[in-house]
């Protein structure tokens, strides 16, 4: 049996996914490590209300799990992405934003699955 989630909790998880993509992009562009970026985002960005959506802050636990999960599984995620690309393409040719989004998807699914298992 599932329990209904409040709109605030759903919005916080959605915001965590969005902010995780931004953090992963920053890591890809700057070469910064996961912990440094998580610390920066937690200190400066997570608790703030989004001007675009009006939602409150992101779920900090989910955010941290996503960023660290993608960072830890980088090579594995690249292999998963490469497996579905046409032969003439490789992961290094993908745009950074696309690569970050593709990597976050499987990690988000794995995190949700692990949370449901308890």
C-alpha atoms as a PDB file:
ATOM      1  CA  UNK A   1       0.000   0.000   0.000  1.00  0.00           C
ATOM      2  CA  UNK A   2       1.270   3.452  -0.827  1.00  0.00           C
ATOM      3  CA  UNK A   3       0.667   6.545   1.217  1.00  0.00           C
ATOM      4  CA  UNK A   4      -0.364   9.777  -0.490  1.00  0.00           C
ATOM      5  CA  UNK A   5       2.333  12.414  -0.651  1.00  0.00           C
ATOM      6  CA  UNK A   6       1.690  16.044   0.019  1.00  0.00           C
ATOM      7  CA  UNK A   7       1.980  18.486  -2.861  1.00  0.00           C
ATOM      8  CA  UNK A   8       4.882  20.092  -1.008  1.00  0.00           C
ATOM      9  CA  UNK A   9       6.831  16.824  -0.832  1.00  0.00           C
ATOM     10  CA  UNK A  10       6.229  16.107  -4.513  1.00  0.00           C
ATOM     11  CA  UNK A  11       7.353  19.618  -5.435  1.00  0.00           C
ATOM     12  CA  UNK A  12      10.467  19.293  -3.237  1.00  0.00           C
ATOM     13  CA  UNK A  13      11.449  16.016  -4.945  1.00  0.00           C
ATOM     14  CA  UNK A  14      10.814  17.510  -8.377  1.00  0.00           C
ATOM     15  CA  UNK A  15      12.924  20.530  -7.479  1.00  0.00           C
ATOM     16  CA  UNK A  16      15.697  18.217  -6.198  1.00  0.00           C
ATOM     17  CA  UNK A  17      15.815  16.498  -9.602  1.00  0.00           C
ATOM     18  CA  UNK A  18      16.047  19.838 -11.416  1.00  0.00           C
ATOM     19  CA  UNK A  19      18.749  21.189  -9.108  1.00  0.00           C
ATOM     20  CA  UNK A  20      20.668  17.892  -9.409  1.00  0.00           C
ATOM     21  CA  UNK A  21      20.847  18.365 -13.185  1.00  0.00           C
ATOM     22  CA  UNK A  22      22.191  21.885 -12.616  1.00  0.00           C
ATOM     23  CA  UNK A  23      24.780  20.594 -10.134  1.00  0.00           C
ATOM     24  CA  UNK A  24      25.855  17.767 -12.453  1.00  0.00           C
ATOM     25  CA  UNK A  25      26.217  20.245 -15.304  1.00  0.00           C
ATOM     26  CA  UNK A  26      28.398  22.444 -13.096  1.00  0.00           C
ATOM     27  CA  UNK A  27      30.546  19.410 -12.232  1.00  0.00           C
ATOM     28  CA  UNK A  28      30.926  18.513 -15.908  1.00  0.00           C
ATOM     29  CA  UNK A  29      31.900  22.038 -16.930  1.00  0.00           C
ATOM     30  CA  UNK A  30      34.196  22.926 -14.023  1.00  0.00           C
ATOM     31  CA  UNK A  31      35.595  19.523 -13.070  1.00  0.00           C
ATOM     32  CA  UNK A  32      34.545  20.077  -9.454  1.00  0.00           C
ATOM     33  CA  UNK A  33      33.885  17.042  -7.274  1.00  0.00           C
ATOM     34  CA  UNK A  34      30.467  15.885  -6.113  1.00  0.00           C
ATOM     35  CA  UNK A  35      30.958  16.791  -2.454  1.00  0.00           C
ATOM     36  CA  UNK A  36      32.142  20.334  -3.218  1.00  0.00           C
ATOM     37  CA  UNK A  37      29.180  20.982  -5.525  1.00  0.00           C
ATOM     38  CA  UNK A  38      26.673  19.427  -3.111  1.00  0.00           C
ATOM     39  CA  UNK A  39      28.059  21.620  -0.321  1.00  0.00           C
ATOM     40  CA  UNK A  40      27.832  24.755  -2.503  1.00  0.00           C
ATOM     41  CA  UNK A  41      24.296  24.034  -3.687  1.00  0.00           C
ATOM     42  CA  UNK A  42      23.128  23.087  -0.186  1.00  0.00           C
ATOM     43  CA  UNK A  43      24.539  26.280   1.277  1.00  0.00           C
ATOM     44  CA  UNK A  44      23.500  28.717  -1.474  1.00  0.00           C
ATOM     45  CA  UNK A  45      20.585  27.320  -3.469  1.00  0.00           C
ATOM     46  CA  UNK A  46      18.508  24.453  -2.064  1.00  0.00           C
ATOM     47  CA  UNK A  47      16.386  26.282   0.475  1.00  0.00           C
ATOM     48  CA  UNK A  48      15.399  29.116  -1.797  1.00  0.00           C
ATOM     49  CA  UNK A  49      12.007  29.371  -3.399  1.00  0.00           C
ATOM     50  CA  UNK A  50      12.051  29.073  -7.181  1.00  0.00           C
ATOM     51  CA  UNK A  51      11.169  32.346  -8.890  1.00  0.00           C
ATOM     52  CA  UNK A  52       9.914  30.483 -11.978  1.00  0.00           C
ATOM     53  CA  UNK A  53       7.610  27.974 -10.265  1.00  0.00           C
ATOM     54  CA  UNK A  54       6.942  29.496  -6.858  1.00  0.00           C
ATOM     55  CA  UNK A  55       7.808  26.144  -5.228  1.00  0.00           C
ATOM     56  CA  UNK A  56       9.804  25.921  -2.050  1.00  0.00           C
ATOM     57  CA  UNK A  57      13.222  24.390  -1.725  1.00  0.00           C
ATOM     58  CA  UNK A  58      14.457  21.066  -2.996  1.00  0.00           C
ATOM     59  CA  UNK A  59      14.564  17.826  -1.002  1.00  0.00           C
ATOM     60  CA  UNK A  60      18.191  17.910   0.196  1.00  0.00           C
ATOM     61  CA  UNK A  61      18.462  14.149   0.754  1.00  0.00           C
ATOM     62  CA  UNK A  62      17.275  13.247  -2.731  1.00  0.00           C
ATOM     63  CA  UNK A  63      19.477  15.969  -4.236  1.00  0.00           C
ATOM     64  CA  UNK A  64      22.562  14.630  -2.467  1.00  0.00           C
ATOM     65  CA  UNK A  65      21.754  11.010  -3.431  1.00  0.00           C
ATOM     66  CA  UNK A  66      21.295  11.910  -7.088  1.00  0.00           C
ATOM     67  CA  UNK A  67      24.498  13.921  -7.395  1.00  0.00           C
ATOM     68  CA  UNK A  68      26.622  11.382  -5.543  1.00  0.00           C
ATOM     69  CA  UNK A  69      24.930   8.489  -7.362  1.00  0.00           C
ATOM     70  CA  UNK A  70      25.665   9.882 -10.819  1.00  0.00           C
ATOM     71  CA  UNK A  71      29.231  10.775  -9.809  1.00  0.00           C
ATOM     72  CA  UNK A  72      29.867   7.284  -8.423  1.00  0.00           C
ATOM     73  CA  UNK A  73      28.370   5.502 -11.418  1.00  0.00           C
ATOM     74  CA  UNK A  74      29.871   7.761 -14.113  1.00  0.00           C
ATOM     75  CA  UNK A  75      31.604   5.047 -16.147  1.00  0.00           C
ATOM     76  CA  UNK A  76      28.705   2.622 -15.772  1.00  0.00           C
ATOM     77  CA  UNK A  77      26.224   5.283 -16.896  1.00  0.00           C
ATOM     78  CA  UNK A  78      28.414   6.201 -19.878  1.00  0.00           C
ATOM     79  CA  UNK A  79      28.443   2.511 -20.881  1.00  0.00           C
ATOM     80  CA  UNK A  80      24.635   2.355 -20.622  1.00  0.00           C
ATOM     81  CA  UNK A  81      24.269   5.446 -22.801  1.00  0.00           C
ATOM     82  CA  UNK A  82      26.871   4.207 -25.309  1.00  0.00           C
ATOM     83  CA  UNK A  83      24.980   0.932 -25.674  1.00  0.00           C
ATOM     84  CA  UNK A  84      21.996   2.711 -27.212  1.00  0.00           C
ATOM     85  CA  UNK A  85      23.859   5.162 -29.444  1.00  0.00           C
ATOM     86  CA  UNK A  86      24.325   4.589 -33.155  1.00  0.00           C
ATOM     87  CA  UNK A  87      27.693   3.035 -34.029  1.00  0.00           C
ATOM     88  CA  UNK A  88      28.976   6.287 -35.536  1.00  0.00           C
ATOM     89  CA  UNK A  89      28.470   8.138 -32.236  1.00  0.00           C
ATOM     90  CA  UNK A  90      30.102   7.932 -28.853  1.00  0.00           C
ATOM     91  CA  UNK A  91      29.302   9.356 -25.424  1.00  0.00           C
ATOM     92  CA  UNK A  92      32.007  12.024 -25.674  1.00  0.00           C
ATOM     93  CA  UNK A  93      30.198  13.626 -28.626  1.00  0.00           C
ATOM     94  CA  UNK A  94      26.988  14.209 -26.679  1.00  0.00           C
ATOM     95  CA  UNK A  95      26.245  17.716 -25.494  1.00  0.00           C
ATOM     96  CA  UNK A  96      26.948  18.158 -21.808  1.00  0.00           C
ATOM     97  CA  UNK A  97      23.323  18.877 -20.855  1.00  0.00           C
ATOM     98  CA  UNK A  98      22.071  15.789 -22.694  1.00  0.00           C
ATOM     99  CA  UNK A  99      24.716  13.591 -21.089  1.00  0.00           C
ATOM    100  CA  UNK A 100      23.886  14.938 -17.623  1.00  0.00           C
ATOM    101  CA  UNK A 101      20.156  14.354 -18.120  1.00  0.00           C
ATOM    102  CA  UNK A 102      20.708  10.843 -19.461  1.00  0.00           C
ATOM    103  CA  UNK A 103      22.878  10.015 -16.477  1.00  0.00           C
ATOM    104  CA  UNK A 104      20.472  11.396 -13.918  1.00  0.00           C
ATOM    105  CA  UNK A 105      17.540   9.316 -15.164  1.00  0.00           C
ATOM    106  CA  UNK A 106      18.805   5.855 -14.221  1.00  0.00           C
ATOM    107  CA  UNK A 107      20.178   7.139 -10.920  1.00  0.00           C
ATOM    108  CA  UNK A 108      16.822   8.703 -10.051  1.00  0.00           C
ATOM    109  CA  UNK A 109      15.060   5.420 -10.817  1.00  0.00           C
ATOM    110  CA  UNK A 110      17.564   3.438  -8.725  1.00  0.00           C
ATOM    111  CA  UNK A 111      17.214   5.874  -5.813  1.00  0.00           C
ATOM    112  CA  UNK A 112      13.401   5.695  -5.913  1.00  0.00           C
ATOM    113  CA  UNK A 113      13.531   1.893  -6.014  1.00  0.00           C
ATOM    114  CA  UNK A 114      15.908   1.735  -3.039  1.00  0.00           C
ATOM    115  CA  UNK A 115      13.697   4.125  -1.024  1.00  0.00           C
ATOM    116  CA  UNK A 116      10.639   1.971  -1.632  1.00  0.00           C
ATOM    117  CA  UNK A 117      12.477  -1.149  -0.477  1.00  0.00           C
ATOM    118  CA  UNK A 118      13.187   0.609   2.797  1.00  0.00           C
END
